[in-house]
Every structure is written in structure tokens, then in C-alpha cells.
């Protein structure tokens, strides 16, 4: 259950980060696509933090240093593009 709590905390951190990012850029319109992508990374980092017993910040730094966040970004974007391509065909 601890890992599930960490994933949820990571998703919450991602949501807060997305909202604060848009709030600081007053001229920028809110884009749900970008917000969802931030939530995915937040959930991933939170899950790893819970699994490894790290703080969220330590997990984020560790994952960044080994390239895992970049890898998840690439996988996430590939999936997103395939889903959008299927949606356009309908």
C-alpha cells in the first residue's frame, strides 16, 4: 500500500507542478495535454520514491541522472502520438 500512496503523492505533485507552471506564465493558455504528461512523470517518480524508500526529490534526481525520466518521456510521447493517430482515423 505504501507504493500506491507514493504514486498518488507523485501524481498530486505533478498536478501541482503543472498548475503552478501555468500560473506563473499568465499569458499562456492551459493545455490539458501538457498537464496530463506532467501527471504521468509525477506518478512515475512517486512510484519509484515509494519503492526505493527515497524522498520525491531524491527519486527525481536519481531517475534524471540515469536517464529514466527521459526514457519515460519518449515512451509516453510515442504512446500519445499513436493514440492521436488512431483518433484521427475515426
N, C-alpha and C. Protein backbone atom coordinates (compact mmCIF):
# COMPACT_ATOMS: atom_id res chain seq x y z
N UNK A 1 0.82 -1.20 0.00
CA UNK A 1 0.00 0.00 0.00
C UNK A 1 0.86 1.26 0.00
N UNK A 2 2.07 1.16 0.55
CA UNK A 2 2.96 2.30 0.61
C UNK A 2 3.33 2.80 -0.78
N UNK A 3 3.57 1.88 -1.73
CA UNK A 3 3.92 2.29 -3.09
C UNK A 3 2.74 3.00 -3.73
N UNK A 4 1.53 2.50 -3.52
CA UNK A 4 0.34 3.15 -4.07
C UNK A 4 0.20 4.57 -3.53
N UNK A 5 0.45 4.76 -2.24
CA UNK A 5 0.40 6.10 -1.66
C UNK A 5 1.44 7.01 -2.29
N UNK A 6 2.63 6.47 -2.55
CA UNK A 6 3.69 7.27 -3.16
C UNK A 6 3.34 7.65 -4.60
N UNK A 7 2.72 6.73 -5.33
CA UNK A 7 2.30 7.04 -6.70
C UNK A 7 1.26 8.16 -6.67
N UNK A 8 0.30 8.04 -5.77
CA UNK A 8 -0.73 9.09 -5.65
C UNK A 8 -0.12 10.43 -5.25
N UNK A 9 0.86 10.40 -4.34
CA UNK A 9 1.54 11.64 -3.95
C UNK A 9 2.31 12.21 -5.14
N UNK A 10 2.92 11.34 -5.94
CA UNK A 10 3.63 11.79 -7.14
C UNK A 10 2.69 12.43 -8.14
N UNK A 11 1.52 11.82 -8.34
CA UNK A 11 0.53 12.40 -9.26
C UNK A 11 0.07 13.76 -8.73
N UNK A 12 -0.14 13.85 -7.42
CA UNK A 12 -0.55 15.13 -6.82
C UNK A 12 0.54 16.18 -7.03
N UNK A 13 1.81 15.79 -6.84
CA UNK A 13 2.93 16.72 -7.07
C UNK A 13 2.97 17.16 -8.52
N UNK A 14 2.74 16.22 -9.42
CA UNK A 14 2.72 16.57 -10.84
C UNK A 14 1.61 17.54 -11.17
N UNK A 15 0.44 17.33 -10.58
CA UNK A 15 -0.69 18.23 -10.82
C UNK A 15 -0.39 19.63 -10.30
N UNK A 16 0.16 19.70 -9.10
CA UNK A 16 0.50 20.99 -8.51
C UNK A 16 1.56 21.68 -9.36
N UNK A 17 2.55 20.93 -9.80
CA UNK A 17 3.61 21.48 -10.65
C UNK A 17 3.04 22.03 -11.95
N UNK A 18 2.14 21.29 -12.57
CA UNK A 18 1.53 21.74 -13.82
C UNK A 18 0.74 23.02 -13.61
N UNK A 19 -0.06 23.05 -12.55
CA UNK A 19 -0.87 24.23 -12.29
C UNK A 19 -0.02 25.45 -11.96
N UNK A 20 1.02 25.26 -11.16
CA UNK A 20 1.91 26.37 -10.82
C UNK A 20 2.68 26.86 -12.04
N UNK A 21 3.05 25.94 -12.91
CA UNK A 21 3.74 26.32 -14.14
C UNK A 21 2.88 27.21 -15.02
N UNK A 22 1.60 26.88 -15.12
CA UNK A 22 0.70 27.72 -15.90
C UNK A 22 0.39 29.03 -15.20
N UNK A 23 0.31 29.01 -13.88
CA UNK A 23 0.01 30.23 -13.12
C UNK A 23 1.13 31.26 -13.26
N UNK A 24 2.38 30.80 -13.32
CA UNK A 24 3.49 31.75 -13.42
C UNK A 24 3.59 32.37 -14.81
N UNK A 25 3.03 31.70 -15.82
CA UNK A 25 3.01 32.22 -17.18
C UNK A 25 1.60 32.72 -17.49
N UNK A 26 1.29 33.91 -17.02
CA UNK A 26 -0.07 34.42 -17.09
C UNK A 26 -0.62 34.46 -18.52
N UNK A 27 0.22 34.66 -19.52
CA UNK A 27 -0.25 34.77 -20.90
C UNK A 27 -0.48 33.42 -21.58
N UNK A 28 -0.07 32.35 -20.95
CA UNK A 28 -0.16 31.01 -21.56
C UNK A 28 -1.50 30.37 -21.24
N UNK A 29 -2.12 29.80 -22.26
CA UNK A 29 -3.38 29.08 -22.06
C UNK A 29 -3.11 27.71 -21.47
N UNK A 30 -4.04 27.24 -20.65
CA UNK A 30 -3.92 25.91 -20.05
C UNK A 30 -4.08 24.86 -21.14
N UNK A 31 -3.14 23.92 -21.21
CA UNK A 31 -3.20 22.84 -22.19
C UNK A 31 -3.30 21.51 -21.45
N UNK A 32 -4.47 20.86 -21.51
CA UNK A 32 -4.64 19.59 -20.81
C UNK A 32 -3.61 18.54 -21.21
N UNK A 33 -3.20 18.53 -22.48
CA UNK A 33 -2.20 17.55 -22.95
C UNK A 33 -0.91 17.66 -22.15
N UNK A 34 -0.43 18.89 -21.96
CA UNK A 34 0.81 19.09 -21.19
C UNK A 34 0.60 18.72 -19.72
N UNK A 35 -0.56 19.05 -19.19
CA UNK A 35 -0.84 18.73 -17.79
C UNK A 35 -0.87 17.23 -17.58
N UNK A 36 -1.49 16.49 -18.48
CA UNK A 36 -1.55 15.02 -18.36
C UNK A 36 -0.15 14.43 -18.41
N UNK A 37 0.69 14.96 -19.29
CA UNK A 37 2.05 14.45 -19.41
C UNK A 37 2.84 14.71 -18.12
N UNK A 38 2.61 15.84 -17.49
CA UNK A 38 3.26 16.14 -16.21
C UNK A 38 2.79 15.16 -15.14
N UNK A 39 1.51 14.81 -15.16
CA UNK A 39 0.98 13.85 -14.20
C UNK A 39 1.61 12.47 -14.37
N UNK A 40 1.87 12.07 -15.59
CA UNK A 40 2.48 10.76 -15.86
C UNK A 40 3.87 10.70 -15.23
N UNK A 41 4.68 11.72 -15.46
CA UNK A 41 6.03 11.75 -14.90
C UNK A 41 5.97 11.82 -13.37
N UNK A 42 5.06 12.62 -12.84
CA UNK A 42 4.91 12.72 -11.38
C UNK A 42 4.55 11.39 -10.76
N UNK A 43 3.66 10.66 -11.40
CA UNK A 43 3.28 9.33 -10.90
C UNK A 43 4.43 8.36 -10.95
N UNK A 44 5.20 8.40 -12.03
CA UNK A 44 6.36 7.52 -12.17
C UNK A 44 7.39 7.80 -11.08
N UNK A 45 7.73 9.07 -10.89
CA UNK A 45 8.71 9.44 -9.88
C UNK A 45 8.21 9.07 -8.48
N UNK A 46 6.94 9.32 -8.21
CA UNK A 46 6.36 8.99 -6.91
C UNK A 46 6.40 7.49 -6.64
N UNK A 47 6.10 6.70 -7.66
CA UNK A 47 6.15 5.24 -7.51
C UNK A 47 7.55 4.74 -7.19
N UNK A 48 8.53 5.29 -7.89
CA UNK A 48 9.92 4.90 -7.64
C UNK A 48 10.35 5.33 -6.24
N UNK A 49 9.93 6.52 -5.84
CA UNK A 49 10.27 7.01 -4.50
C UNK A 49 9.75 6.05 -3.44
N UNK A 50 8.52 5.60 -3.60
CA UNK A 50 7.94 4.67 -2.63
C UNK A 50 8.64 3.32 -2.64
N UNK A 51 8.94 2.83 -3.82
CA UNK A 51 9.58 1.52 -3.96
C UNK A 51 10.99 1.51 -3.37
N UNK A 52 11.75 2.58 -3.65
CA UNK A 52 13.14 2.64 -3.19
C UNK A 52 13.30 3.23 -1.79
N UNK A 53 12.22 3.82 -1.26
CA UNK A 53 12.31 4.46 0.05
C UNK A 53 13.00 5.82 0.00
N UNK A 54 12.95 6.47 -1.17
CA UNK A 54 13.55 7.78 -1.37
C UNK A 54 12.51 8.88 -1.12
N UNK A 55 13.00 10.08 -0.91
CA UNK A 55 12.10 11.23 -0.96
C UNK A 55 11.76 11.46 -2.42
N UNK A 56 10.73 12.24 -2.68
CA UNK A 56 10.34 12.52 -4.06
C UNK A 56 11.49 13.21 -4.81
N UNK A 57 12.13 14.18 -4.16
CA UNK A 57 13.22 14.93 -4.79
C UNK A 57 14.40 14.02 -5.09
N UNK A 58 14.76 13.15 -4.15
CA UNK A 58 15.89 12.24 -4.37
C UNK A 58 15.58 11.28 -5.51
N UNK A 59 14.34 10.78 -5.57
CA UNK A 59 13.95 9.87 -6.65
C UNK A 59 14.03 10.59 -8.00
N UNK A 60 13.56 11.83 -8.04
CA UNK A 60 13.59 12.60 -9.28
C UNK A 60 15.04 12.82 -9.74
N UNK A 61 15.91 13.19 -8.81
CA UNK A 61 17.32 13.40 -9.15
C UNK A 61 17.97 12.11 -9.63
N UNK A 62 17.71 11.01 -8.94
CA UNK A 62 18.29 9.72 -9.30
C UNK A 62 17.81 9.28 -10.68
N UNK A 63 16.50 9.37 -10.91
CA UNK A 63 15.94 8.96 -12.20
C UNK A 63 16.46 9.83 -13.34
N UNK A 64 16.63 11.11 -13.07
CA UNK A 64 17.18 12.02 -14.09
C UNK A 64 18.63 11.65 -14.40
N UNK A 65 19.40 11.32 -13.36
CA UNK A 65 20.82 11.02 -13.56
C UNK A 65 21.04 9.73 -14.35
N UNK A 66 20.11 8.78 -14.28
CA UNK A 66 20.28 7.53 -15.04
C UNK A 66 19.51 7.54 -16.36
N UNK A 67 18.86 8.65 -16.65
CA UNK A 67 18.15 8.78 -17.93
C UNK A 67 16.77 8.17 -17.96
N UNK A 68 16.26 7.74 -16.81
CA UNK A 68 14.95 7.07 -16.78
C UNK A 68 13.80 8.03 -17.09
N UNK A 69 13.91 9.27 -16.65
CA UNK A 69 12.84 10.23 -16.93
C UNK A 69 12.78 10.52 -18.43
N UNK A 70 13.93 10.64 -19.05
CA UNK A 70 13.96 10.85 -20.50
C UNK A 70 13.35 9.65 -21.22
N UNK A 71 13.67 8.45 -20.78
CA UNK A 71 13.11 7.25 -21.38
C UNK A 71 11.59 7.22 -21.25
N UNK A 72 11.08 7.54 -20.06
CA UNK A 72 9.63 7.57 -19.85
C UNK A 72 9.00 8.65 -20.73
N UNK A 73 9.66 9.79 -20.87
CA UNK A 73 9.16 10.86 -21.75
C UNK A 73 9.02 10.34 -23.18
N UNK A 74 10.03 9.66 -23.69
CA UNK A 74 9.98 9.13 -25.06
C UNK A 74 8.86 8.11 -25.22
N UNK A 75 8.74 7.19 -24.27
CA UNK A 75 7.69 6.17 -24.33
C UNK A 75 6.31 6.83 -24.28
N UNK A 76 6.17 7.78 -23.37
CA UNK A 76 4.90 8.50 -23.20
C UNK A 76 4.50 9.22 -24.48
N UNK A 77 5.45 9.90 -25.10
CA UNK A 77 5.18 10.63 -26.34
C UNK A 77 4.84 9.68 -27.48
N UNK A 78 5.51 8.54 -27.55
CA UNK A 78 5.22 7.57 -28.61
C UNK A 78 3.80 7.03 -28.46
N UNK A 79 3.41 6.72 -27.24
CA UNK A 79 2.05 6.22 -26.98
C UNK A 79 1.03 7.31 -27.31
N UNK A 80 1.31 8.54 -26.87
CA UNK A 80 0.40 9.66 -27.11
C UNK A 80 0.18 9.86 -28.61
N UNK A 81 1.26 9.82 -29.37
CA UNK A 81 1.15 10.02 -30.83
C UNK A 81 0.36 8.91 -31.48
N UNK A 82 0.56 7.68 -31.05
CA UNK A 82 -0.21 6.55 -31.61
C UNK A 82 -1.70 6.69 -31.29
N UNK A 83 -2.01 7.11 -30.07
CA UNK A 83 -3.40 7.30 -29.69
C UNK A 83 -4.05 8.42 -30.50
N UNK A 84 -3.31 9.48 -30.72
CA UNK A 84 -3.84 10.60 -31.51
C UNK A 84 -4.04 10.19 -32.96
N UNK A 85 -3.11 9.36 -33.48
CA UNK A 85 -3.21 8.91 -34.85
C UNK A 85 -4.46 8.04 -35.03
N UNK A 86 -4.74 7.17 -34.07
CA UNK A 86 -5.93 6.33 -34.12
C UNK A 86 -7.20 7.18 -34.04
N UNK A 87 -7.15 8.22 -33.22
CA UNK A 87 -8.31 9.10 -33.05
C UNK A 87 -8.61 9.84 -34.35
N UNK A 88 -7.57 10.26 -35.06
CA UNK A 88 -7.77 10.99 -36.32
C UNK A 88 -8.35 10.09 -37.41
N UNK A 89 -8.06 8.80 -37.37
CA UNK A 89 -8.56 7.86 -38.38
C UNK A 89 -10.07 7.65 -38.25
N UNK A 90 -10.60 7.83 -37.04
CA UNK A 90 -12.03 7.57 -36.83
C UNK A 90 -12.90 8.64 -37.43
